Amino acid sequence: MEPQKLSWRKSSRSNTHGACVEVAFQGDNVYVRDSKDKGEGPILRFTQTEWEAFKDGVVKGEF
């Protein structure tokens, strides 16, 4: 899937100082990018299982 064809959402935890993360969901994949790169930067891809494990780790303070 080409990144420009994904429907990106900005995180509700992002701030107005450029520290923004955007996510897009397609099937079992979750895509993450830095919004200040204006779609030109790298995109991380996770499976739904990996994404859930990441979110669980954030909530538990593992990072």
PDB file of N, CA and C in Angstrom:
ATOM      1  N   MET A   1       0.854  -1.185   0.000  1.00  0.00           N
ATOM      2  CA  MET A   1       0.000   0.000   0.000  1.00  0.00           C
ATOM      3  C   MET A   1       0.887   1.231   0.000  1.00  0.00           C
ATOM      4  N   GLU A   2       0.597   2.138  -0.882  1.00  0.00           N
ATOM      5  CA  GLU A   2       1.342   3.386  -0.939  1.00  0.00           C
ATOM      6  C   GLU A   2       0.877   4.290   0.190  1.00  0.00           C
ATOM      7  N   PRO A   3       1.830   4.939   0.915  1.00  0.00           N
ATOM      8  CA  PRO A   3       1.473   5.768   2.066  1.00  0.00           C
ATOM      9  C   PRO A   3       0.452   6.855   1.760  1.00  0.00           C
ATOM     10  N   GLN A   4       0.501   7.466   0.583  1.00  0.00           N
ATOM     11  CA  GLN A   4      -0.431   8.541   0.281  1.00  0.00           C
ATOM     12  C   GLN A   4      -1.863   8.049   0.154  1.00  0.00           C
ATOM     13  N   LYS A   5      -2.067   6.757  -0.021  1.00  0.00           N
ATOM     14  CA  LYS A   5      -3.414   6.196  -0.148  1.00  0.00           C
ATOM     15  C   LYS A   5      -4.019   5.819   1.206  1.00  0.00           C
ATOM     16  N   LEU A   6      -3.231   5.903   2.258  1.00  0.00           N
ATOM     17  CA  LEU A   6      -3.736   5.601   3.589  1.00  0.00           C
ATOM     18  C   LEU A   6      -4.468   6.807   4.158  1.00  0.00           C
ATOM     19  N   SER A   7      -5.393   6.549   5.048  1.00  0.00           N
ATOM     20  CA  SER A   7      -6.119   7.615   5.727  1.00  0.00           C
ATOM     21  C   SER A   7      -5.440   7.856   7.083  1.00  0.00           C
ATOM     22  N   TRP A   8      -4.692   8.947   7.172  1.00  0.00           N
ATOM     23  CA  TRP A   8      -3.894   9.242   8.371  1.00  0.00           C
ATOM     24  C   TRP A   8      -4.705  10.025   9.391  1.00  0.00           C
ATOM     25  N   ARG A   9      -4.475   9.685  10.695  1.00  0.00           N
ATOM     26  CA  ARG A   9      -5.094  10.408  11.814  1.00  0.00           C
ATOM     27  C   ARG A   9      -3.993  10.896  12.727  1.00  0.00           C
ATOM     28  N   LYS A  10      -4.116  12.116  13.194  1.00  0.00           N
ATOM     29  CA  LYS A  10      -3.140  12.657  14.139  1.00  0.00           C
ATOM     30  C   LYS A  10      -3.503  12.205  15.543  1.00  0.00           C
ATOM     31  N   SER A  11      -2.505  11.837  16.305  1.00  0.00           N
ATOM     32  CA  SER A  11      -2.730  11.402  17.674  1.00  0.00           C
ATOM     33  C   SER A  11      -3.363  12.510  18.506  1.00  0.00           C
ATOM     34  N   SER A  12      -4.271  12.149  19.375  1.00  0.00           N
ATOM     35  CA  SER A  12      -4.880  13.134  20.274  1.00  0.00           C
ATOM     36  C   SER A  12      -3.874  13.621  21.310  1.00  0.00           C
ATOM     37  N   ARG A  13      -2.759  12.923  21.470  1.00  0.00           N
ATOM     38  CA  ARG A  13      -1.712  13.312  22.418  1.00  0.00           C
ATOM     39  C   ARG A  13      -0.667  14.228  21.779  1.00  0.00           C
ATOM     40  N   SER A  14      -0.793  14.487  20.488  1.00  0.00           N
ATOM     41  CA  SER A  14       0.153  15.360  19.805  1.00  0.00           C
ATOM     42  C   SER A  14      -0.044  16.788  20.279  1.00  0.00           C
ATOM     43  N   ASN A  15       1.025  17.586  20.173  1.00  0.00           N
ATOM     44  CA  ASN A  15       0.916  18.972  20.610  1.00  0.00           C
ATOM     45  C   ASN A  15       1.110  19.928  19.436  1.00  0.00           C
ATOM     46  N   THR A  16       0.999  21.207  19.687  1.00  0.00           N
ATOM     47  CA  THR A  16       1.103  22.219  18.637  1.00  0.00           C
ATOM     48  C   THR A  16       2.538  22.628  18.342  1.00  0.00           C
ATOM     49  N   HIS A  17       3.505  22.018  19.002  1.00  0.00           N
ATOM     50  CA  HIS A  17       4.915  22.385  18.817  1.00  0.00           C
ATOM     51  C   HIS A  17       5.637  21.430  17.879  1.00  0.00           C
ATOM     52  N   GLY A  18       4.928  20.693  17.078  1.00  0.00           N
ATOM     53  CA  GLY A  18       5.544  19.823  16.084  1.00  0.00           C
ATOM     54  C   GLY A  18       5.801  18.402  16.535  1.00  0.00           C
ATOM     55  N   ALA A  19       5.504  18.060  17.776  1.00  0.00           N
ATOM     56  CA  ALA A  19       5.701  16.694  18.257  1.00  0.00           C
ATOM     57  C   ALA A  19       4.437  15.890  17.964  1.00  0.00           C
ATOM     58  N   CYS A  20       4.211  15.608  16.692  1.00  0.00           N
ATOM     59  CA  CYS A  20       2.972  14.960  16.285  1.00  0.00           C
ATOM     60  C   CYS A  20       3.232  13.589  15.675  1.00  0.00           C
ATOM     61  N   VAL A  21       2.391  12.668  16.019  1.00  0.00           N
ATOM     62  CA  VAL A  21       2.445  11.325  15.465  1.00  0.00           C
ATOM     63  C   VAL A  21       1.123  11.073  14.763  1.00  0.00           C
ATOM     64  N   GLU A  22       1.199  10.453  13.586  1.00  0.00           N
ATOM     65  CA  GLU A  22      -0.001  10.094  12.847  1.00  0.00           C
ATOM     66  C   GLU A  22      -0.030   8.588  12.665  1.00  0.00           C
ATOM     67  N   VAL A  23      -1.222   8.038  12.676  1.00  0.00           N
ATOM     68  CA  VAL A  23      -1.391   6.596  12.466  1.00  0.00           C
ATOM     69  C   VAL A  23      -2.419   6.359  11.371  1.00  0.00           C
ATOM     70  N   ALA A  24      -2.263   5.215  10.707  1.00  0.00           N
ATOM     71  CA  ALA A  24      -3.226   4.781   9.698  1.00  0.00           C
ATOM     72  C   ALA A  24      -3.412   3.282   9.870  1.00  0.00           C
ATOM     73  N   PHE A  25      -4.615   2.818   9.665  1.00  0.00           N
ATOM     74  CA  PHE A  25      -4.944   1.409   9.840  1.00  0.00           C
ATOM     75  C   PHE A  25      -5.413   0.837   8.510  1.00  0.00           C
ATOM     76  N   GLN A  26      -4.906  -0.354   8.194  1.00  0.00           N
ATOM     77  CA  GLN A  26      -5.372  -1.054   6.999  1.00  0.00           C
ATOM     78  C   GLN A  26      -5.224  -2.543   7.241  1.00  0.00           C
ATOM     79  N   GLY A  27      -6.337  -3.241   7.265  1.00  0.00           N
ATOM     80  CA  GLY A  27      -6.292  -4.676   7.530  1.00  0.00           C
ATOM     81  C   GLY A  27      -5.637  -4.948   8.877  1.00  0.00           C
ATOM     82  N   ASP A  28      -4.642  -5.827   8.880  1.00  0.00           N
ATOM     83  CA  ASP A  28      -3.917  -6.163  10.116  1.00  0.00           C
ATOM     84  C   ASP A  28      -2.710  -5.259  10.321  1.00  0.00           C
ATOM     85  N   ASN A  29      -2.563  -4.223   9.514  1.00  0.00           N
ATOM     86  CA  ASN A  29      -1.392  -3.357   9.616  1.00  0.00           C
ATOM     87  C   ASN A  29      -1.731  -2.013  10.232  1.00  0.00           C
ATOM     88  N   VAL A  30      -0.795  -1.517  11.039  1.00  0.00           N
ATOM     89  CA  VAL A  30      -0.885  -0.185  11.620  1.00  0.00           C
ATOM     90  C   VAL A  30       0.368   0.556  11.167  1.00  0.00           C
ATOM     91  N   TYR A  31       0.185   1.718  10.556  1.00  0.00           N
ATOM     92  CA  TYR A  31       1.289   2.530  10.053  1.00  0.00           C
ATOM     93  C   TYR A  31       1.438   3.758  10.942  1.00  0.00           C
ATOM     94  N   VAL A  32       2.683   4.135  11.225  1.00  0.00           N
ATOM     95  CA  VAL A  32       2.956   5.270  12.095  1.00  0.00           C
ATOM     96  C   VAL A  32       3.991   6.157  11.421  1.00  0.00           C
ATOM     97  N   ARG A  33       3.764   7.477  11.487  1.00  0.00           N
ATOM     98  CA  ARG A  33       4.740   8.414  10.925  1.00  0.00           C
ATOM     99  C   ARG A  33       4.762   9.695  11.742  1.00  0.00           C
ATOM    100  N   ASP A  34       5.801  10.463  11.546  1.00  0.00           N
ATOM    101  CA  ASP A  34       5.969  11.769  12.179  1.00  0.00           C
ATOM    102  C   ASP A  34       5.338  12.802  11.253  1.00  0.00           C
ATOM    103  N   SER A  35       4.346  13.517  11.726  1.00  0.00           N
ATOM    104  CA  SER A  35       3.613  14.425  10.844  1.00  0.00           C
ATOM    105  C   SER A  35       4.443  15.606  10.371  1.00  0.00           C
ATOM    106  N   LYS A  36       5.479  15.996  11.112  1.00  0.00           N
ATOM    107  CA  LYS A  36       6.255  17.160  10.670  1.00  0.00           C
ATOM    108  C   LYS A  36       7.103  16.848   9.439  1.00  0.00           C
ATOM    109  N   ASP A  37       7.209  15.571   9.063  1.00  0.00           N
ATOM    110  CA  ASP A  37       7.920  15.198   7.835  1.00  0.00           C
ATOM    111  C   ASP A  37       7.057  15.411   6.593  1.00  0.00           C
ATOM    112  N   LYS A  38       5.805  15.834   6.782  1.00  0.00           N
ATOM    113  CA  LYS A  38       4.880  16.137   5.680  1.00  0.00           C
ATOM    114  C   LYS A  38       4.725  14.973   4.695  1.00  0.00           C
ATOM    115  N   GLY A  39       4.740  13.742   5.220  1.00  0.00           N
ATOM    116  CA  GLY A  39       4.548  12.573   4.378  1.00  0.00           C
ATOM    117  C   GLY A  39       5.779  12.138   3.607  1.00  0.00           C
ATOM    118  N   GLU A  40       6.910  12.784   3.827  1.00  0.00           N
ATOM    119  CA  GLU A  40       8.137  12.455   3.098  1.00  0.00           C
ATOM    120  C   GLU A  40       9.098  11.590   3.911  1.00  0.00           C
ATOM    121  N   GLY A  41       8.839  11.433   5.187  1.00  0.00           N
ATOM    122  CA  GLY A  41       9.748  10.692   6.056  1.00  0.00           C
ATOM    123  C   GLY A  41       9.417   9.215   6.122  1.00  0.00           C
ATOM    124  N   PRO A  42      10.132   8.505   6.984  1.00  0.00           N
ATOM    125  CA  PRO A  42       9.915   7.065   7.123  1.00  0.00           C
ATOM    126  C   PRO A  42       8.556   6.754   7.744  1.00  0.00           C
ATOM    127  N   ILE A  43       8.076   5.570   7.441  1.00  0.00           N
ATOM    128  CA  ILE A  43       6.814   5.073   7.988  1.00  0.00           C
ATOM    129  C   ILE A  43       7.095   3.727   8.641  1.00  0.00           C
ATOM    130  N   LEU A  44       6.675   3.589   9.876  1.00  0.00           N
ATOM    131  CA  LEU A  44       6.807   2.316  10.580  1.00  0.00           C
ATOM    132  C   LEU A  44       5.533   1.507  10.349  1.00  0.00           C
ATOM    133  N   ARG A  45       5.693   0.194  10.217  1.00  0.00           N
ATOM    134  CA  ARG A  45       4.534  -0.677  10.012  1.00  0.00           C
ATOM    135  C   ARG A  45       4.541  -1.749  11.100  1.00  0.00           C
ATOM    136  N   PHE A  46       3.407  -1.933  11.739  1.00  0.00           N
ATOM    137  CA  PHE A  46       3.236  -2.926  12.790  1.00  0.00           C
ATOM    138  C   PHE A  46       2.038  -3.801  12.456  1.00  0.00           C
ATOM    139  N   THR A  47       2.052  -5.028  12.932  1.00  0.00           N
ATOM    140  CA  THR A  47       0.837  -5.829  12.878  1.00  0.00           C
ATOM    141  C   THR A  47      -0.076  -5.344  14.002  1.00  0.00           C
ATOM    142  N   GLN A  48      -1.321  -5.715  13.946  1.00  0.00           N
ATOM    143  CA  GLN A  48      -2.253  -5.321  15.008  1.00  0.00           C
ATOM    144  C   GLN A  48      -1.778  -5.860  16.360  1.00  0.00           C
ATOM    145  N   THR A  49      -1.257  -7.075  16.387  1.00  0.00           N
ATOM    146  CA  THR A  49      -0.760  -7.671  17.627  1.00  0.00           C
ATOM    147  C   THR A  49       0.422  -6.880  18.181  1.00  0.00           C
ATOM    148  N   GLU A  50       1.351  -6.501  17.312  1.00  0.00           N
ATOM    149  CA  GLU A  50       2.504  -5.705  17.743  1.00  0.00           C
ATOM    150  C   GLU A  50       2.068  -4.338  18.262  1.00  0.00           C
ATOM    151  N   TRP A  51       1.110  -3.726  17.585  1.00  0.00           N
ATOM    152  CA  TRP A  51       0.610  -2.419  17.991  1.00  0.00           C
ATOM    153  C   TRP A  51      -0.047  -2.485  19.371  1.00  0.00           C
ATOM    154  N   GLU A  52      -0.854  -3.516  19.593  1.00  0.00           N
ATOM    155  CA  GLU A  52      -1.489  -3.676  20.900  1.00  0.00           C
ATOM    156  C   GLU A  52      -0.449  -3.887  21.993  1.00  0.00           C
ATOM    157  N   ALA A  53       0.605  -4.661  21.707  1.00  0.00           N
ATOM    158  CA  ALA A  53       1.677  -4.884  22.680  1.00  0.00           C
ATOM    159  C   ALA A  53       2.413  -3.577  22.971  1.00  0.00           C
ATOM    160  N   PHE A  54       2.651  -2.764  21.948  1.00  0.00           N
ATOM    161  CA  PHE A  54       3.301  -1.469  22.135  1.00  0.00           C
ATOM    162  C   PHE A  54       2.456  -0.568  23.024  1.00  0.00           C
ATOM    163  N   LYS A  55       1.156  -0.455  22.703  1.00  0.00           N
ATOM    164  CA  LYS A  55       0.274   0.397  23.509  1.00  0.00           C
ATOM    165  C   LYS A  55       0.206  -0.080  24.957  1.00  0.00           C
ATOM    166  N   ASP A  56       0.158  -1.389  25.154  1.00  0.00           N
ATOM    167  CA  ASP A  56       0.140  -1.950  26.501  1.00  0.00           C
ATOM    168  C   ASP A  56       1.416  -1.573  27.250  1.00  0.00           C
ATOM    169  N   GLY A  57       2.561  -1.626  26.573  1.00  0.00           N
ATOM    170  CA  GLY A  57       3.832  -1.247  27.184  1.00  0.00           C
ATOM    171  C   GLY A  57       3.868   0.222  27.558  1.00  0.00           C
ATOM    172  N   VAL A  58       3.278   1.077  26.724  1.00  0.00           N
ATOM    173  CA  VAL A  58       3.218   2.510  27.039  1.00  0.00           C
ATOM    174  C   VAL A  58       2.395   2.742  28.283  1.00  0.00           C
ATOM    175  N   VAL A  59       1.215   2.118  28.356  1.00  0.00           N
ATOM    176  CA  VAL A  59       0.340   2.281  29.510  1.00  0.00           C
ATOM    177  C   VAL A  59       1.025   1.801  30.791  1.00  0.00           C
ATOM    178  N   LYS A  60       1.805   0.723  30.689  1.00  0.00           N
ATOM    179  CA  LYS A  60       2.495   0.175  31.861  1.00  0.00           C
ATOM    180  C   LYS A  60       3.778   0.923  32.206  1.00  0.00           C
ATOM    181  N   GLY A  61       4.172   1.904  31.389  1.00  0.00           N
ATOM    182  CA  GLY A  61       5.366   2.686  31.663  1.00  0.00           C
ATOM    183  C   GLY A  61       6.666   1.972  31.355  1.00  0.00           C
ATOM    184  N   GLU A  62       6.630   1.041  30.420  1.00  0.00           N
ATOM    185  CA  GLU A  62       7.825   0.256  30.096  1.00  0.00           C
ATOM    186  C   GLU A  62       8.850   1.023  29.252  1.00  0.00           C
ATOM    187  N   PHE A  63       8.469   2.187  28.742  1.00  0.00           N
ATOM    188  CA  PHE A  63       9.380   2.938  27.873  1.00  0.00           C
ATOM    189  C   PHE A  63       9.850   4.209  28.533  1.00  0.00           C
TER     190      PHE A  63
END
